[in-house]
Each structure stands twice: as C-alpha cells, then as structure tokens.
C-alpha cells in the first residue's frame, strides 16, 4: 500500500460559510485532512504560521491578499525537511484569493518532490479547486500532479464519504 502524507493549512475560528461569518472550532481543511487519515492511514502535518493571522475573518482576508500580492513566505512554527518516505502527498488548504495561503508555499518550496505524486485538496465557498493544481505544478518540482478534490467548506463536516472515496481511489 502506498504511504501518504497530508500537508495542510486550516483556519479555525471566524470563517465564511454560506454567506455568513461563523465561528468554527476546527477548520474545514483540518476536518478533511482527518478524513483522509482515517480512510487510508495517512500521516498529517499541519502548517502553522509564526505570526497568527487576524482572528477577524475580514481582516484575515486583507492580510492574505497582501501576502499574495507581495509573494510573501510567512515564517512557520515548524517545517518538514523531507517527504522521502512518502509515495503520495496531499496538499490541502482553503482557497484564499484563488490559491493556497502563502504559508503553504513556504513549506512546499523547501521540499524535494522528485518521483512523488501530489494531489490538491481545496476547501472553498464557491471557488472550487481554483488554482490549486497549477500551484502544485509550480511549487512541487519533480512531482506528478494527480486528481484533486474540492470540498465546499459549509459541507466539510458532512463530506467524509466523499473525501474517503476520493482518497481510496487516488491514494491507496
């Protein structure tokens, strides 16, 4: 059986869900990462920034847009230094301005993906998978980008069967 790692960034607290700002005890992407772990026995690695984003959702979107505009690489609490032991890597995150949060790129740029398969997972509120596949092609040098999955954030808690079926099809 292939060995899988899920690298993810997730936002708990204030999130945009079905047109309203709601407080989530666990971020939508984290929920999906845990479904993959359960479905195929994947390891998971959470990306955490040294400097926290604003707890206010609207302010966070402003910060995220500014980071993207400046091609920023936020400093992380801890970094993976290798994915050598894995066959498949899922890169999971929320859709911020059409792509992953810049913190995800901080992590991806330091890894060697030669001979690996990478798969995008994006949680969103209407953007679908957006620029996730293109981002993985750009930042995961040497990898083959596989079929991705987009999960609407409002549906994340009820998406276990959908995420598990995708994981078993692509990662097992």
Protein backbone atom coordinates (compact mmCIF):
# COMPACT_ATOMS: atom_id res chain seq x y z
CA UNK A 1 0.00 0.00 0.00
CA UNK A 2 1.25 3.48 -0.85
CA UNK A 3 2.36 5.69 2.01
CA UNK A 4 0.55 9.04 2.12
CA UNK A 5 1.19 12.37 3.82
CA UNK A 6 -1.32 15.19 4.07
CA UNK A 7 0.30 18.62 4.36
CA UNK A 8 -2.40 21.12 5.29
CA UNK A 9 -3.18 24.62 6.45
CA UNK A 10 -6.56 25.22 8.08
CA UNK A 11 -8.28 28.18 9.69
CA UNK A 12 -10.36 27.68 12.81
CA UNK A 13 -12.37 30.48 14.33
CA UNK A 14 -14.13 33.00 12.10
CA UNK A 15 -14.82 31.63 8.61
CA UNK A 16 -17.14 32.48 5.76
CA UNK A 17 -19.86 29.83 5.48
CA UNK A 18 -22.87 30.06 3.18
CA UNK A 19 -22.81 33.85 3.10
CA UNK A 20 -22.26 34.43 6.82
CA UNK A 21 -19.30 34.67 9.17
CA UNK A 22 -19.39 31.78 11.66
CA UNK A 23 -17.02 30.58 14.37
CA UNK A 24 -15.62 27.11 13.68
CA UNK A 25 -13.98 25.12 16.47
CA UNK A 26 -12.00 23.21 13.82
CA UNK A 27 -11.11 24.46 10.35
CA UNK A 28 -12.73 22.86 7.30
CA UNK A 29 -9.43 21.75 5.80
CA UNK A 30 -8.38 20.07 9.06
CA UNK A 31 -11.67 18.14 9.04
CA UNK A 32 -10.91 16.89 5.52
CA UNK A 33 -7.28 16.02 6.41
CA UNK A 34 -8.57 13.85 9.26
CA UNK A 35 -10.99 12.08 6.88
CA UNK A 36 -8.04 11.19 4.60
CA UNK A 37 -6.02 9.96 7.59
CA UNK A 38 -8.90 7.73 8.63
CA UNK A 39 -9.61 6.45 5.09
CA UNK A 40 -6.07 5.47 4.02
CA UNK A 41 -3.93 5.67 7.15
CA UNK A 42 -2.18 8.84 6.04
CA UNK A 43 0.18 10.85 8.20
CA UNK A 44 -0.75 14.50 8.61
CA UNK A 45 1.35 17.63 9.01
CA UNK A 46 -0.27 20.95 9.92
CA UNK A 47 1.28 24.16 8.64
CA UNK A 48 1.22 26.82 11.36
CA UNK A 49 2.48 30.39 10.94
CA UNK A 50 4.74 32.07 13.50
CA UNK A 51 2.65 35.24 13.24
CA UNK A 52 -1.02 34.38 13.52
CA UNK A 53 -3.48 35.81 11.04
CA UNK A 54 -6.12 38.13 12.45
CA UNK A 55 -8.92 36.38 14.32
CA UNK A 56 -11.30 38.69 12.44
CA UNK A 57 -12.26 36.99 9.17
CA UNK A 58 -12.43 40.16 7.08
CA UNK A 59 -9.07 41.39 8.34
CA UNK A 60 -7.57 37.96 7.65
CA UNK A 61 -8.70 38.17 4.02
CA UNK A 62 -6.96 41.55 3.73
CA UNK A 63 -3.76 40.09 5.20
CA UNK A 64 -3.94 37.08 2.87
CA UNK A 65 -4.44 39.29 -0.20
CA UNK A 66 -1.45 41.43 0.79
CA UNK A 67 0.74 38.34 1.25
CA UNK A 68 -0.26 37.03 -2.17
CA UNK A 69 0.34 40.43 -3.79
CA UNK A 70 3.83 40.54 -2.23
CA UNK A 71 4.59 36.86 -2.93
CA UNK A 72 5.25 36.56 0.83
CA UNK A 73 6.59 33.48 2.56
CA UNK A 74 5.34 33.62 6.16
CA UNK A 75 7.63 32.02 8.73
CA UNK A 76 6.33 28.70 10.04
CA UNK A 77 6.34 27.27 13.56
CA UNK A 78 7.94 24.08 12.24
CA UNK A 79 8.98 22.81 8.83
CA UNK A 80 9.06 19.42 7.23
CA UNK A 81 12.52 18.80 5.82
CA UNK A 82 11.69 15.75 3.71
CA UNK A 83 8.87 13.79 2.11
CA UNK A 84 11.22 10.99 1.01
CA UNK A 85 9.34 8.24 2.85
CA UNK A 86 6.03 9.02 1.12
CA UNK A 87 4.64 7.95 -2.26
CA UNK A 88 1.69 10.36 -2.24
CA UNK A 89 1.39 13.83 -0.78
CA UNK A 90 -1.93 15.62 -0.47
CA UNK A 91 -1.58 19.39 -0.21
CA UNK A 92 -4.72 20.71 1.45
CA UNK A 93 -5.81 24.23 2.20
CA UNK A 94 -8.55 26.80 1.96
CA UNK A 95 -8.98 28.81 -1.22
CA UNK A 96 -7.59 32.25 -0.43
CA UNK A 97 -7.75 34.56 -3.43
CA UNK A 98 -7.79 31.68 -5.90
CA UNK A 99 -4.94 29.62 -4.47
CA UNK A 100 -3.46 28.23 -1.27
CA UNK A 101 -2.44 30.54 1.59
CA UNK A 102 1.16 31.73 1.10
CA UNK A 103 2.23 29.76 4.19
CA UNK A 104 1.66 26.57 2.17
CA UNK A 105 4.20 27.79 -0.40
CA UNK A 106 6.72 28.46 2.40
CA UNK A 107 6.63 24.73 3.14
CA UNK A 108 6.41 23.39 -0.41
CA UNK A 109 9.40 25.34 -1.70
CA UNK A 110 11.86 23.58 0.64
CA UNK A 111 10.86 20.01 -0.24
CA UNK A 112 12.07 17.66 -2.97
CA UNK A 113 9.07 16.08 -4.67
CA UNK A 114 11.04 14.11 -7.27
CA UNK A 115 9.21 10.89 -8.10
CA UNK A 116 6.24 11.73 -5.88
CA UNK A 117 2.56 12.07 -6.70
CA UNK A 118 0.90 15.18 -5.27
CA UNK A 119 -2.82 15.77 -5.01
CA UNK A 120 -4.62 19.06 -4.36
CA UNK A 121 -7.45 19.35 -1.88
CA UNK A 122 -9.08 22.74 -1.55
CA UNK A 123 -11.86 23.83 0.75
CA UNK A 124 -13.83 26.77 -0.57
CA UNK A 125 -17.10 28.68 -0.52
CA UNK A 126 -17.70 28.75 -4.25
CA UNK A 127 -14.28 28.79 -5.95
CA UNK A 128 -13.94 25.04 -6.43
CA UNK A 129 -10.40 23.75 -6.78
CA UNK A 130 -9.38 27.13 -8.29
CA UNK A 131 -5.59 27.47 -8.76
CA UNK A 132 -4.58 24.51 -6.58
CA UNK A 133 -3.42 22.18 -9.40
CA UNK A 134 -1.40 24.96 -11.06
CA UNK A 135 0.20 25.88 -7.72
CA UNK A 136 1.30 22.29 -7.15
CA UNK A 137 2.78 22.13 -10.66
CA UNK A 138 4.71 25.32 -9.87
CA UNK A 139 5.92 24.53 -6.34
CA UNK A 140 6.24 20.73 -6.19
CA UNK A 141 9.23 20.30 -8.50
CA UNK A 142 9.63 16.79 -9.87
CA UNK A 143 6.14 15.62 -8.84
CA UNK A 144 3.27 14.34 -10.90
CA UNK A 145 0.06 16.20 -10.02
CA UNK A 146 -2.89 13.86 -9.62
CA UNK A 147 -6.64 14.30 -9.49
CA UNK A 148 -7.71 16.84 -6.92
CA UNK A 149 -10.83 17.35 -4.90
CA UNK A 150 -12.71 20.49 -3.89
CA UNK A 151 -14.93 20.48 -0.81
CA UNK A 152 -17.25 23.36 -0.06
CA UNK A 153 -16.40 24.50 3.44
CA UNK A 154 -20.03 24.58 4.51
CA UNK A 155 -20.22 20.88 3.58
CA UNK A 156 -16.88 19.79 5.11
CA UNK A 157 -18.36 18.24 8.26
CA UNK A 158 -20.66 16.06 6.15
CA UNK A 159 -18.14 15.19 3.44
CA UNK A 160 -16.44 12.16 4.98
CA UNK A 161 -17.83 9.64 2.48
CA UNK A 162 -16.91 11.86 -0.49
CA UNK A 163 -13.38 12.55 0.79
CA UNK A 164 -12.83 8.90 1.78
CA UNK A 165 -13.95 7.64 -1.64
CA UNK A 166 -11.58 10.10 -3.37
CA UNK A 167 -8.71 9.09 -1.06
CA UNK A 168 -9.25 5.36 -1.58
CA UNK A 169 -9.43 5.84 -5.36
CA UNK A 170 -6.31 8.02 -5.65
CA UNK A 171 -4.08 7.27 -2.68
CA UNK A 172 -4.43 3.58 -1.80
